[in-house]
Structures are given as structure tokens and as C-alpha cells.
């Protein structure tokens, strides 16, 4: 169960649950592949949690030009 970050706070950044899950999964795969994180300290140890924290902070967004492809 997801406790942090809150789903309600995440949905303020992304307008649908589907887009949120797609963006979080894509970013988690990037983190697993070795791409650098946008922040130094995370509350979560897992890549999905880290990705969601980055989304909550506004560091990771859906590109408006590519939004229809997500």
C-alpha cells in the first residue's frame, strides 16, 4: 500500500491515475537503468517510491507535447 507520497497529492500533479502509473513506472525504470536522480535524499528505498517522490516534488512531469502518447 502506498503511504508516501499520498495519492491525492500526486493526482494534483498528474491529472489521471493511468498517467500517474505510466509516468512513475517509466521513471522507476530510468532510475534502475542508472540515470541520475533529481534529488539526493529519498524516504523510499525502492525505485518506484523514489520516482513517485520526484513526481510529487514536480521534478518529473509529462511532456505536454507528448502527453497524447502516454
Protein backbone atom coordinates (compact mmCIF):
# COMPACT_ATOMS: atom_id res chain seq x y z
CA UNK A 1 0.00 0.00 0.00
CA UNK A 2 1.26 3.45 -0.92
CA UNK A 3 1.57 5.67 2.15
CA UNK A 4 4.05 8.27 0.98
CA UNK A 5 3.68 10.22 -1.14
CA UNK A 6 -0.08 10.49 -0.90
CA UNK A 7 -2.06 9.54 -4.00
CA UNK A 8 -4.16 12.68 -3.55
CA UNK A 9 -1.05 14.89 -3.65
CA UNK A 10 0.27 13.01 -6.67
CA UNK A 11 -3.02 13.48 -8.53
CA UNK A 12 -2.61 17.24 -8.08
CA UNK A 13 0.50 16.93 -10.29
CA UNK A 14 -0.85 14.41 -12.83
CA UNK A 15 -4.45 14.55 -13.99
CA UNK A 16 -5.25 10.82 -14.08
CA UNK A 17 -4.27 7.67 -12.24
CA UNK A 18 -3.34 5.96 -15.51
CA UNK A 19 -0.88 8.72 -16.42
CA UNK A 20 0.49 8.71 -12.89
CA UNK A 21 1.20 4.99 -13.00
CA UNK A 22 2.71 5.19 -16.50
CA UNK A 23 4.95 8.11 -15.54
CA UNK A 24 6.01 6.50 -12.26
CA UNK A 25 6.83 3.19 -13.91
CA UNK A 26 8.80 4.84 -16.70
CA UNK A 27 10.81 6.95 -14.26
CA UNK A 28 11.44 3.93 -12.00
CA UNK A 29 12.87 2.03 -14.99
CA UNK A 30 15.12 5.01 -15.75
CA UNK A 31 16.37 5.06 -12.15
CA UNK A 32 17.01 1.29 -12.29
CA UNK A 33 18.96 1.79 -15.52
CA UNK A 34 21.32 4.20 -13.76
CA UNK A 35 20.01 7.61 -14.77
CA UNK A 36 20.72 10.17 -12.05
CA UNK A 37 18.05 11.06 -9.50
CA UNK A 38 16.79 14.63 -9.29
CA UNK A 39 17.24 14.79 -5.52
CA UNK A 40 19.73 13.44 -3.01
CA UNK A 41 17.56 12.17 -0.15
CA UNK A 42 14.54 9.94 -0.51
CA UNK A 43 12.20 8.48 2.08
CA UNK A 44 11.75 5.38 -0.07
CA UNK A 45 14.42 2.78 -0.79
CA UNK A 46 12.71 1.37 -3.89
CA UNK A 47 12.86 2.93 -7.33
CA UNK A 48 9.07 3.22 -7.70
CA UNK A 49 8.84 5.14 -4.42
CA UNK A 50 11.71 7.38 -5.48
CA UNK A 51 10.00 8.05 -8.81
CA UNK A 52 6.76 9.00 -7.08
CA UNK A 53 8.63 11.32 -4.72
CA UNK A 54 10.19 13.05 -7.74
CA UNK A 55 6.73 13.42 -9.30
CA UNK A 56 5.35 14.90 -6.09
CA UNK A 57 8.20 17.43 -5.98
CA UNK A 58 7.50 18.45 -9.57
CA UNK A 59 10.90 17.26 -10.77
CA UNK A 60 9.38 14.75 -13.19
CA UNK A 61 6.46 15.75 -15.42
CA UNK A 62 4.72 14.53 -18.54
CA UNK A 63 5.91 16.47 -21.57
CA UNK A 64 2.83 18.38 -22.81
CA UNK A 65 3.89 17.79 -26.44
CA UNK A 66 3.98 14.01 -25.89
CA UNK A 67 1.05 13.76 -23.48
CA UNK A 68 -1.22 12.05 -26.03
CA UNK A 69 1.31 9.22 -26.38
CA UNK A 70 1.26 8.28 -22.66
